[in-house]
Amino acid sequence: MSDDTTKDNWLHANIFPCPHCGTPLFRVDRSPMSDDYRLYCDRCPNSVEVSYYDDVCRHLDEERRADVPEGWPGEVAKGELIEQYLRPCDCGGSYQFNAARRCPTCQQPVVVDEPWVDLSPSINGSELEDRDPTPEEQDVYEQFTAAHIRTRDLWKPGIG
């Protein structure tokens, strides 16, 4: 990675091998410009994305205690509040804001720095490259998101 790329890497993007199976994994901090929460399953590599604008999420904002601070500590509190209303994962696990990230290949836990770090398979090998993905790489990523990131049918029955 060049010095310019390192300076511009404010989301701490990195590719590293899974410590269990060697699959190249891409880790990146969630952008503060993101408009959703990502909670991970405590048993498998699946996750759920909850839009800030989802009706249930907006209702929780209205009900949330006034003393919850803004910024990441507030995001953690909000993520932990959302957990209790989410449907279980298809594997039977629970979505949690602080759940360990898991390798999508071997499903073993992978240590990441903070709860706002996202983990996915690397679509372009083991090097960070400053380029747009090829159509094939984009297809691989879209297949991963379709299989592992729930964006619909999020809430337990009777919620939402």
N, C-alpha and C. Protein backbone atom coordinates (compact mmCIF):
# COMPACT_ATOMS: atom_id res chain seq x y z
N MET A 1 0.85 -1.17 0.00
CA MET A 1 0.00 0.00 0.00
C MET A 1 0.90 1.24 0.00
N SER A 2 0.57 2.21 -0.82
CA SER A 2 1.39 3.41 -0.91
C SER A 2 1.14 4.32 0.29
N ASP A 3 2.04 5.29 0.49
CA ASP A 3 1.87 6.23 1.59
C ASP A 3 0.58 7.02 1.45
N ASP A 4 0.21 7.41 0.20
CA ASP A 4 -1.03 8.16 -0.02
C ASP A 4 -2.24 7.32 0.38
N THR A 5 -2.23 6.05 0.04
CA THR A 5 -3.34 5.17 0.38
C THR A 5 -3.43 5.02 1.90
N THR A 6 -2.30 4.89 2.57
CA THR A 6 -2.29 4.75 4.02
C THR A 6 -2.89 6.00 4.67
N LYS A 7 -2.53 7.19 4.19
CA LYS A 7 -3.05 8.44 4.74
C LYS A 7 -4.56 8.54 4.54
N ASP A 8 -5.06 8.03 3.41
CA ASP A 8 -6.48 8.11 3.10
C ASP A 8 -7.30 6.97 3.70
N ASN A 9 -6.68 6.10 4.42
CA ASN A 9 -7.35 4.91 4.96
C ASN A 9 -7.98 5.21 6.32
N TRP A 10 -8.87 6.19 6.37
CA TRP A 10 -9.46 6.62 7.63
C TRP A 10 -10.47 5.63 8.18
N LEU A 11 -10.91 4.66 7.37
CA LEU A 11 -11.80 3.61 7.86
C LEU A 11 -11.03 2.34 8.22
N HIS A 12 -9.71 2.44 8.23
CA HIS A 12 -8.81 1.35 8.65
C HIS A 12 -9.06 0.05 7.89
N ALA A 13 -9.33 0.17 6.60
CA ALA A 13 -9.53 -1.01 5.76
C ALA A 13 -8.25 -1.85 5.75
N ASN A 14 -8.45 -3.17 5.80
CA ASN A 14 -7.31 -4.06 5.80
C ASN A 14 -7.77 -5.44 5.32
N ILE A 15 -6.88 -6.14 4.67
CA ILE A 15 -7.14 -7.52 4.28
C ILE A 15 -6.15 -8.39 5.04
N PHE A 16 -6.66 -9.45 5.64
CA PHE A 16 -5.80 -10.35 6.41
C PHE A 16 -6.36 -11.77 6.27
N PRO A 17 -5.52 -12.78 6.48
CA PRO A 17 -6.02 -14.16 6.39
C PRO A 17 -6.76 -14.55 7.66
N CYS A 18 -7.83 -15.32 7.48
CA CYS A 18 -8.52 -15.89 8.65
C CYS A 18 -7.49 -16.70 9.43
N PRO A 19 -7.39 -16.49 10.75
CA PRO A 19 -6.40 -17.24 11.53
C PRO A 19 -6.70 -18.73 11.61
N HIS A 20 -7.89 -19.15 11.20
CA HIS A 20 -8.28 -20.56 11.29
C HIS A 20 -8.14 -21.29 9.96
N CYS A 21 -8.56 -20.65 8.85
CA CYS A 21 -8.57 -21.36 7.56
C CYS A 21 -7.79 -20.66 6.46
N GLY A 22 -7.33 -19.42 6.71
CA GLY A 22 -6.52 -18.70 5.74
C GLY A 22 -7.29 -17.93 4.68
N THR A 23 -8.63 -17.97 4.69
CA THR A 23 -9.42 -17.20 3.72
C THR A 23 -9.09 -15.72 3.85
N PRO A 24 -8.82 -15.02 2.74
CA PRO A 24 -8.59 -13.57 2.84
C PRO A 24 -9.88 -12.85 3.27
N LEU A 25 -9.77 -12.09 4.36
CA LEU A 25 -10.90 -11.36 4.92
C LEU A 25 -10.66 -9.86 4.82
N PHE A 26 -11.73 -9.13 4.57
CA PHE A 26 -11.67 -7.67 4.49
C PHE A 26 -12.33 -7.11 5.73
N ARG A 27 -11.61 -6.29 6.48
CA ARG A 27 -12.16 -5.61 7.65
C ARG A 27 -12.15 -4.12 7.39
N VAL A 28 -13.20 -3.45 7.83
CA VAL A 28 -13.31 -2.00 7.64
C VAL A 28 -14.19 -1.44 8.76
N ASP A 29 -13.82 -0.26 9.24
CA ASP A 29 -14.66 0.44 10.22
C ASP A 29 -15.94 0.88 9.52
N ARG A 30 -17.05 0.81 10.23
CA ARG A 30 -18.30 1.35 9.69
C ARG A 30 -18.13 2.84 9.49
N SER A 31 -18.57 3.32 8.38
CA SER A 31 -18.48 4.75 8.11
C SER A 31 -19.44 5.51 9.01
N PRO A 32 -18.99 6.64 9.56
CA PRO A 32 -19.91 7.45 10.34
C PRO A 32 -21.02 8.04 9.47
N MET A 33 -20.88 7.94 8.16
CA MET A 33 -21.91 8.41 7.24
C MET A 33 -22.92 7.31 6.91
N SER A 34 -22.71 6.12 7.45
CA SER A 34 -23.64 5.01 7.22
C SER A 34 -24.97 5.35 7.88
N ASP A 35 -26.06 4.87 7.30
CA ASP A 35 -27.36 5.17 7.89
C ASP A 35 -28.08 3.91 8.38
N ASP A 36 -27.28 2.98 8.88
CA ASP A 36 -27.87 1.78 9.47
C ASP A 36 -26.96 1.22 10.55
N TYR A 37 -27.56 0.37 11.37
CA TYR A 37 -26.82 -0.38 12.38
C TYR A 37 -26.56 -1.77 11.80
N ARG A 38 -25.41 -2.35 12.09
CA ARG A 38 -25.12 -3.73 11.69
C ARG A 38 -24.91 -4.53 12.96
N LEU A 39 -25.70 -5.56 13.14
CA LEU A 39 -25.58 -6.46 14.27
C LEU A 39 -25.25 -7.84 13.72
N TYR A 40 -24.38 -8.57 14.41
CA TYR A 40 -23.88 -9.86 13.93
C TYR A 40 -24.46 -11.00 14.76
N CYS A 41 -24.63 -12.14 14.10
CA CYS A 41 -25.10 -13.34 14.79
C CYS A 41 -24.01 -13.85 15.74
N ASP A 42 -24.45 -14.38 16.87
CA ASP A 42 -23.49 -14.90 17.84
C ASP A 42 -23.08 -16.34 17.55
N ARG A 43 -23.62 -16.95 16.46
CA ARG A 43 -23.29 -18.34 16.13
C ARG A 43 -22.72 -18.56 14.73
N CYS A 44 -22.97 -17.63 13.81
CA CYS A 44 -22.57 -17.83 12.41
C CYS A 44 -22.13 -16.49 11.80
N PRO A 45 -21.69 -16.46 10.55
CA PRO A 45 -21.20 -15.21 9.96
C PRO A 45 -22.30 -14.26 9.46
N ASN A 46 -23.55 -14.56 9.73
CA ASN A 46 -24.64 -13.70 9.26
C ASN A 46 -24.72 -12.42 10.09
N SER A 47 -25.33 -11.41 9.46
CA SER A 47 -25.57 -10.15 10.15
C SER A 47 -26.89 -9.58 9.68
N VAL A 48 -27.32 -8.54 10.34
CA VAL A 48 -28.56 -7.85 10.00
C VAL A 48 -28.25 -6.36 9.92
N GLU A 49 -28.83 -5.70 8.93
CA GLU A 49 -28.72 -4.24 8.82
C GLU A 49 -30.06 -3.62 9.15
N VAL A 50 -30.05 -2.71 10.11
CA VAL A 50 -31.26 -2.02 10.54
C VAL A 50 -31.10 -0.55 10.19
N SER A 51 -31.93 -0.09 9.29
CA SER A 51 -31.88 1.32 8.87
C SER A 51 -32.27 2.24 10.01
N TYR A 52 -31.58 3.37 10.11
CA TYR A 52 -31.96 4.39 11.09
C TYR A 52 -33.41 4.82 10.85
N TYR A 53 -33.89 4.69 9.62
CA TYR A 53 -35.20 5.19 9.22
C TYR A 53 -36.29 4.13 9.32
N ASP A 54 -35.94 2.91 9.73
CA ASP A 54 -36.92 1.85 9.94
C ASP A 54 -37.89 2.34 11.02
N ASP A 55 -39.18 2.04 10.84
CA ASP A 55 -40.20 2.51 11.79
C ASP A 55 -39.93 2.05 13.22
N VAL A 56 -39.52 0.80 13.40
CA VAL A 56 -39.23 0.30 14.75
C VAL A 56 -38.03 1.04 15.33
N CYS A 57 -37.01 1.22 14.52
CA CYS A 57 -35.81 1.91 14.98
C CYS A 57 -36.14 3.36 15.38
N ARG A 58 -36.96 4.01 14.59
CA ARG A 58 -37.36 5.40 14.92
C ARG A 58 -38.16 5.42 16.21
N HIS A 59 -39.03 4.45 16.40
CA HIS A 59 -39.81 4.37 17.64
C HIS A 59 -38.88 4.18 18.84
N LEU A 60 -37.87 3.32 18.69
CA LEU A 60 -36.91 3.11 19.78
C LEU A 60 -36.16 4.40 20.08
N ASP A 61 -35.85 5.19 19.06
CA ASP A 61 -35.20 6.48 19.29
C ASP A 61 -36.09 7.37 20.16
N GLU A 62 -37.38 7.38 19.89
CA GLU A 62 -38.30 8.21 20.65
C GLU A 62 -38.42 7.73 22.10
N GLU A 63 -38.34 6.41 22.29
CA GLU A 63 -38.49 5.83 23.62
C GLU A 63 -37.19 5.81 24.42
N ARG A 64 -36.08 5.98 23.70
CA ARG A 64 -34.77 5.86 24.36
C ARG A 64 -34.62 6.93 25.44
N ARG A 65 -33.94 6.55 26.51
CA ARG A 65 -33.71 7.48 27.62
C ARG A 65 -32.93 8.70 27.15
N ALA A 66 -33.24 9.84 27.67
CA ALA A 66 -32.58 11.08 27.27
C ALA A 66 -31.12 11.12 27.68
N ASP A 67 -30.71 10.30 28.66
CA ASP A 67 -29.33 10.38 29.14
C ASP A 67 -28.35 9.50 28.35
N VAL A 68 -28.82 8.84 27.27
CA VAL A 68 -27.90 8.06 26.44
C VAL A 68 -27.08 9.04 25.60
N PRO A 69 -25.77 9.03 25.72
CA PRO A 69 -24.95 10.01 25.01
C PRO A 69 -24.93 9.77 23.50
N GLU A 70 -24.64 10.80 22.76
CA GLU A 70 -24.51 10.70 21.30
C GLU A 70 -23.14 10.13 20.96
N GLY A 71 -22.94 9.72 19.73
CA GLY A 71 -21.66 9.17 19.29
C GLY A 71 -21.62 7.67 19.52
N TRP A 72 -20.42 7.09 19.36
CA TRP A 72 -20.32 5.64 19.43
C TRP A 72 -20.84 5.03 20.73
N PRO A 73 -20.57 5.60 21.91
CA PRO A 73 -21.16 4.97 23.10
C PRO A 73 -22.69 4.92 23.01
N GLY A 74 -23.30 5.96 22.46
CA GLY A 74 -24.75 5.96 22.25
C GLY A 74 -25.15 4.93 21.21
N GLU A 75 -24.32 4.74 20.19
CA GLU A 75 -24.60 3.74 19.17
C GLU A 75 -24.58 2.35 19.78
N VAL A 76 -23.65 2.11 20.69
CA VAL A 76 -23.59 0.81 21.35
C VAL A 76 -24.86 0.60 22.17
N ALA A 77 -25.27 1.59 22.93
CA ALA A 77 -26.49 1.47 23.73
C ALA A 77 -27.69 1.22 22.83
N LYS A 78 -27.77 1.92 21.71
CA LYS A 78 -28.88 1.74 20.78
C LYS A 78 -28.82 0.34 20.16
N GLY A 79 -27.64 -0.10 19.76
CA GLY A 79 -27.49 -1.45 19.20
C GLY A 79 -27.94 -2.51 20.18
N GLU A 80 -27.60 -2.35 21.44
CA GLU A 80 -27.99 -3.31 22.46
C GLU A 80 -29.50 -3.27 22.70
N LEU A 81 -30.12 -2.12 22.54
CA LEU A 81 -31.57 -2.01 22.66
C LEU A 81 -32.26 -2.71 21.49
N ILE A 82 -31.74 -2.53 20.30
CA ILE A 82 -32.32 -3.14 19.10
C ILE A 82 -32.27 -4.67 19.19
N GLU A 83 -31.21 -5.21 19.77
CA GLU A 83 -31.02 -6.67 19.85
C GLU A 83 -32.27 -7.41 20.32
N GLN A 84 -32.91 -6.89 21.34
CA GLN A 84 -34.01 -7.61 21.97
C GLN A 84 -35.27 -7.70 21.11
N TYR A 85 -35.34 -6.92 20.02
CA TYR A 85 -36.52 -6.92 19.17
C TYR A 85 -36.32 -7.66 17.85
N LEU A 86 -35.09 -8.09 17.57
CA LEU A 86 -34.80 -8.74 16.29
C LEU A 86 -35.20 -10.21 16.29
N ARG A 87 -35.63 -10.67 15.13
CA ARG A 87 -35.88 -12.11 14.93
C ARG A 87 -34.56 -12.85 15.12
N PRO A 88 -34.61 -14.11 15.51
CA PRO A 88 -33.38 -14.90 15.56
C PRO A 88 -32.83 -15.09 14.15
N CYS A 89 -31.56 -15.37 14.07
CA CYS A 89 -30.91 -15.72 12.81
C CYS A 89 -31.47 -17.06 12.33
N ASP A 90 -31.34 -17.34 11.05
CA ASP A 90 -31.79 -18.61 10.50
C ASP A 90 -31.10 -19.80 11.16
N CYS A 91 -29.89 -19.59 11.69
CA CYS A 91 -29.16 -20.68 12.35
C CYS A 91 -29.64 -20.91 13.78
N GLY A 92 -30.50 -20.02 14.29
CA GLY A 92 -30.98 -20.12 15.67
C GLY A 92 -30.26 -19.18 16.62
N GLY A 93 -29.21 -18.52 16.15
CA GLY A 93 -28.47 -17.59 16.99
C GLY A 93 -29.19 -16.27 17.15
N SER A 94 -28.60 -15.39 17.94
CA SER A 94 -29.14 -14.06 18.19
C SER A 94 -28.22 -13.01 17.57
N TYR A 95 -28.82 -11.98 17.01
CA TYR A 95 -28.04 -10.86 16.50
C TYR A 95 -27.67 -9.95 17.65
N GLN A 96 -26.38 -9.63 17.74
CA GLN A 96 -25.88 -8.80 18.83
C GLN A 96 -24.92 -7.75 18.29
N PHE A 97 -24.96 -6.58 18.90
CA PHE A 97 -24.10 -5.48 18.48
C PHE A 97 -22.63 -5.81 18.71
N ASN A 98 -22.34 -6.51 19.79
CA ASN A 98 -20.96 -6.83 20.14
C ASN A 98 -20.57 -8.28 19.86
N ALA A 99 -21.32 -8.97 19.02
CA ALA A 99 -20.99 -10.37 18.71
C ALA A 99 -19.66 -10.46 17.98
N ALA A 100 -18.96 -11.56 18.22
CA ALA A 100 -17.71 -11.81 17.49
C ALA A 100 -18.02 -11.92 16.00
N ARG A 101 -17.15 -11.36 15.19
CA ARG A 101 -17.27 -11.56 13.75
C ARG A 101 -16.80 -12.97 13.44
N ARG A 102 -17.34 -13.57 12.38
CA ARG A 102 -16.99 -14.94 12.03
C ARG A 102 -16.58 -15.03 10.57
N CYS A 103 -15.63 -15.87 10.31
CA CYS A 103 -15.19 -16.12 8.95
C CYS A 103 -16.34 -16.76 8.18
N PRO A 104 -16.67 -16.25 6.98
CA PRO A 104 -17.76 -16.85 6.21
C PRO A 104 -17.40 -18.22 5.64
N THR A 105 -16.13 -18.59 5.63
CA THR A 105 -15.72 -19.89 5.11
C THR A 105 -15.76 -20.96 6.20
N CYS A 106 -15.06 -20.74 7.30
CA CYS A 106 -14.97 -21.77 8.35
C CYS A 106 -15.90 -21.50 9.54
N GLN A 107 -16.51 -20.32 9.59
CA GLN A 107 -17.46 -19.90 10.63
C GLN A 107 -16.86 -19.75 12.02
N GLN A 108 -15.53 -19.74 12.11
CA GLN A 108 -14.87 -19.56 13.40
C GLN A 108 -14.81 -18.07 13.76
N PRO A 109 -14.84 -17.73 15.06
CA PRO A 109 -14.72 -16.34 15.46
C PRO A 109 -13.38 -15.73 15.03
N VAL A 110 -13.44 -14.47 14.62
CA VAL A 110 -12.25 -13.72 14.21
C VAL A 110 -12.23 -12.44 15.04
N VAL A 111 -11.12 -12.19 15.71
CA VAL A 111 -11.00 -11.00 16.55
C VAL A 111 -10.87 -9.75 15.68
N VAL A 112 -11.75 -8.79 15.96
CA VAL A 112 -11.65 -7.46 15.34
C VAL A 112 -11.57 -6.44 16.47
N ASP A 113 -11.17 -5.24 16.13
CA ASP A 113 -10.85 -4.25 17.14
C ASP A 113 -12.04 -3.74 17.97
N GLU A 114 -13.13 -3.41 17.31
CA GLU A 114 -14.24 -2.72 17.97
C GLU A 114 -15.57 -3.22 17.41
N PRO A 115 -16.69 -2.92 18.09
CA PRO A 115 -17.98 -3.41 17.63
C PRO A 115 -18.47 -2.75 16.33
N TRP A 116 -17.81 -1.69 15.88
CA TRP A 116 -18.24 -1.04 14.64
C TRP A 116 -17.40 -1.46 13.44
N VAL A 117 -16.68 -2.57 13.57
CA VAL A 117 -15.88 -3.10 12.46
C VAL A 117 -16.71 -4.14 11.72
N ASP A 118 -16.76 -4.02 10.40
CA ASP A 118 -17.43 -5.00 9.56
C ASP A 118 -16.41 -5.94 8.95
N LEU A 119 -16.83 -7.18 8.71
CA LEU A 119 -15.95 -8.20 8.18
C LEU A 119 -16.66 -8.92 7.05
N SER A 120 -15.94 -9.12 5.95
CA SER A 120 -16.49 -9.85 4.79
C SER A 120 -15.33 -10.53 4.09
N PRO A 121 -15.65 -11.45 3.16
CA PRO A 121 -14.55 -12.04 2.39
C PRO A 121 -13.94 -10.97 1.50
N SER A 122 -12.65 -11.07 1.27
CA SER A 122 -12.00 -10.14 0.35
C SER A 122 -12.37 -10.55 -1.07
N ILE A 123 -12.81 -9.58 -1.87
CA ILE A 123 -13.20 -9.90 -3.24
C ILE A 123 -12.05 -9.76 -4.22
N ASN A 124 -10.93 -9.19 -3.77
CA ASN A 124 -9.81 -9.02 -4.70
C ASN A 124 -8.50 -9.54 -4.13
N GLY A 125 -8.57 -10.71 -3.50
CA GLY A 125 -7.34 -11.34 -3.05
C GLY A 125 -6.84 -10.79 -1.74
N SER A 126 -5.52 -10.69 -1.63
CA SER A 126 -4.91 -10.31 -0.36
C SER A 126 -4.33 -8.91 -0.35
N GLU A 127 -4.55 -8.14 -1.40
CA GLU A 127 -4.02 -6.78 -1.46
C GLU A 127 -5.15 -5.76 -1.54
N LEU A 128 -5.02 -4.68 -0.78
CA LEU A 128 -5.94 -3.57 -0.94
C LEU A 128 -5.56 -2.83 -2.21
N GLU A 129 -6.51 -2.66 -3.07
CA GLU A 129 -6.24 -1.99 -4.33
C GLU A 129 -7.17 -0.80 -4.46
N ASP A 130 -6.64 0.33 -4.90
CA ASP A 130 -7.43 1.53 -5.09
C ASP A 130 -8.02 1.52 -6.49
N ARG A 131 -9.09 0.73 -6.65
CA ARG A 131 -9.75 0.61 -7.94
C ARG A 131 -11.18 0.12 -7.72
N ASP A 132 -12.00 0.28 -8.72
CA ASP A 132 -13.35 -0.26 -8.64
C ASP A 132 -13.29 -1.77 -8.84
N PRO A 133 -14.22 -2.51 -8.22
CA PRO A 133 -14.21 -3.96 -8.43
C PRO A 133 -14.61 -4.31 -9.86
N THR A 134 -14.10 -5.42 -10.32
CA THR A 134 -14.51 -5.93 -11.63
C THR A 134 -15.96 -6.42 -11.51
N PRO A 135 -16.66 -6.62 -12.62
CA PRO A 135 -18.02 -7.17 -12.53
C PRO A 135 -18.06 -8.52 -11.80
N GLU A 136 -17.04 -9.35 -12.00
CA GLU A 136 -16.99 -10.65 -11.32
C GLU A 136 -16.81 -10.46 -9.82
N GLU A 137 -15.94 -9.54 -9.41
CA GLU A 137 -15.74 -9.28 -7.99
C GLU A 137 -17.01 -8.70 -7.36
N GLN A 138 -17.67 -7.82 -8.07
CA GLN A 138 -18.92 -7.24 -7.57
C GLN A 138 -19.97 -8.33 -7.39
N ASP A 139 -20.03 -9.28 -8.33
CA ASP A 139 -20.97 -10.38 -8.24
C ASP A 139 -20.69 -11.24 -7.01
N VAL A 140 -19.41 -11.52 -6.74
CA VAL A 140 -19.04 -12.30 -5.55
C VAL A 140 -19.51 -11.58 -4.28
N TYR A 141 -19.30 -10.27 -4.21
CA TYR A 141 -19.72 -9.51 -3.04
C TYR A 141 -21.25 -9.50 -2.90
N GLU A 142 -21.95 -9.34 -4.01
CA GLU A 142 -23.41 -9.33 -3.96
C GLU A 142 -23.96 -10.69 -3.53
N GLN A 143 -23.31 -11.76 -3.94
CA GLN A 143 -23.72 -13.10 -3.49
C GLN A 143 -23.51 -13.24 -1.98
N PHE A 144 -22.37 -12.72 -1.50
CA PHE A 144 -22.10 -12.77 -0.06
C PHE A 144 -23.17 -11.99 0.70
N THR A 145 -23.47 -10.77 0.28
CA THR A 145 -24.45 -9.96 1.01
C THR A 145 -25.84 -10.60 0.97
N ALA A 146 -26.22 -11.17 -0.16
CA ALA A 146 -27.54 -11.82 -0.26
C ALA A 146 -27.63 -13.02 0.69
N ALA A 147 -26.54 -13.74 0.84
CA ALA A 147 -26.53 -14.93 1.68
C ALA A 147 -26.35 -14.64 3.16
N HIS A 148 -25.68 -13.53 3.51
CA HIS A 148 -25.27 -13.33 4.90
C HIS A 148 -25.73 -12.05 5.57
N ILE A 149 -26.37 -11.13 4.84
CA ILE A 149 -26.80 -9.88 5.47
C ILE A 149 -28.30 -9.71 5.29
N ARG A 150 -29.04 -9.87 6.37
CA ARG A 150 -30.50 -9.71 6.33
C ARG A 150 -30.84 -8.22 6.37
N THR A 151 -31.71 -7.81 5.46
CA THR A 151 -32.17 -6.43 5.43
C THR A 151 -33.69 -6.32 5.49
N ARG A 152 -34.36 -7.48 5.47
CA ARG A 152 -35.84 -7.52 5.53
C ARG A 152 -36.26 -8.54 6.56
N ASP A 153 -37.54 -8.47 6.94
CA ASP A 153 -38.09 -9.42 7.91
C ASP A 153 -37.19 -9.48 9.15
N LEU A 154 -36.97 -8.30 9.72
CA LEU A 154 -36.01 -8.15 10.81
C LEU A 154 -36.57 -8.43 12.19
N TRP A 155 -37.84 -8.12 12.39
CA TRP A 155 -38.36 -8.01 13.74
C TRP A 155 -39.13 -9.25 14.18
N LYS A 156 -39.11 -9.49 15.47
CA LYS A 156 -39.89 -10.58 16.06
C LYS A 156 -41.38 -10.35 15.73
N PRO A 157 -42.16 -11.43 15.72
CA PRO A 157 -43.60 -11.27 15.47
C PRO A 157 -44.22 -10.28 16.47
N GLY A 158 -45.10 -9.44 15.95
CA GLY A 158 -45.75 -8.44 16.80
C GLY A 158 -44.97 -7.14 16.92
N ILE A 159 -43.73 -7.10 16.42
CA ILE A 159 -42.92 -5.88 16.44
C ILE A 159 -42.91 -5.33 15.01
N GLY A 160 -43.11 -4.07 14.87
CA GLY A 160 -43.04 -3.47 13.53
C GLY A 160 -44.30 -3.58 12.83
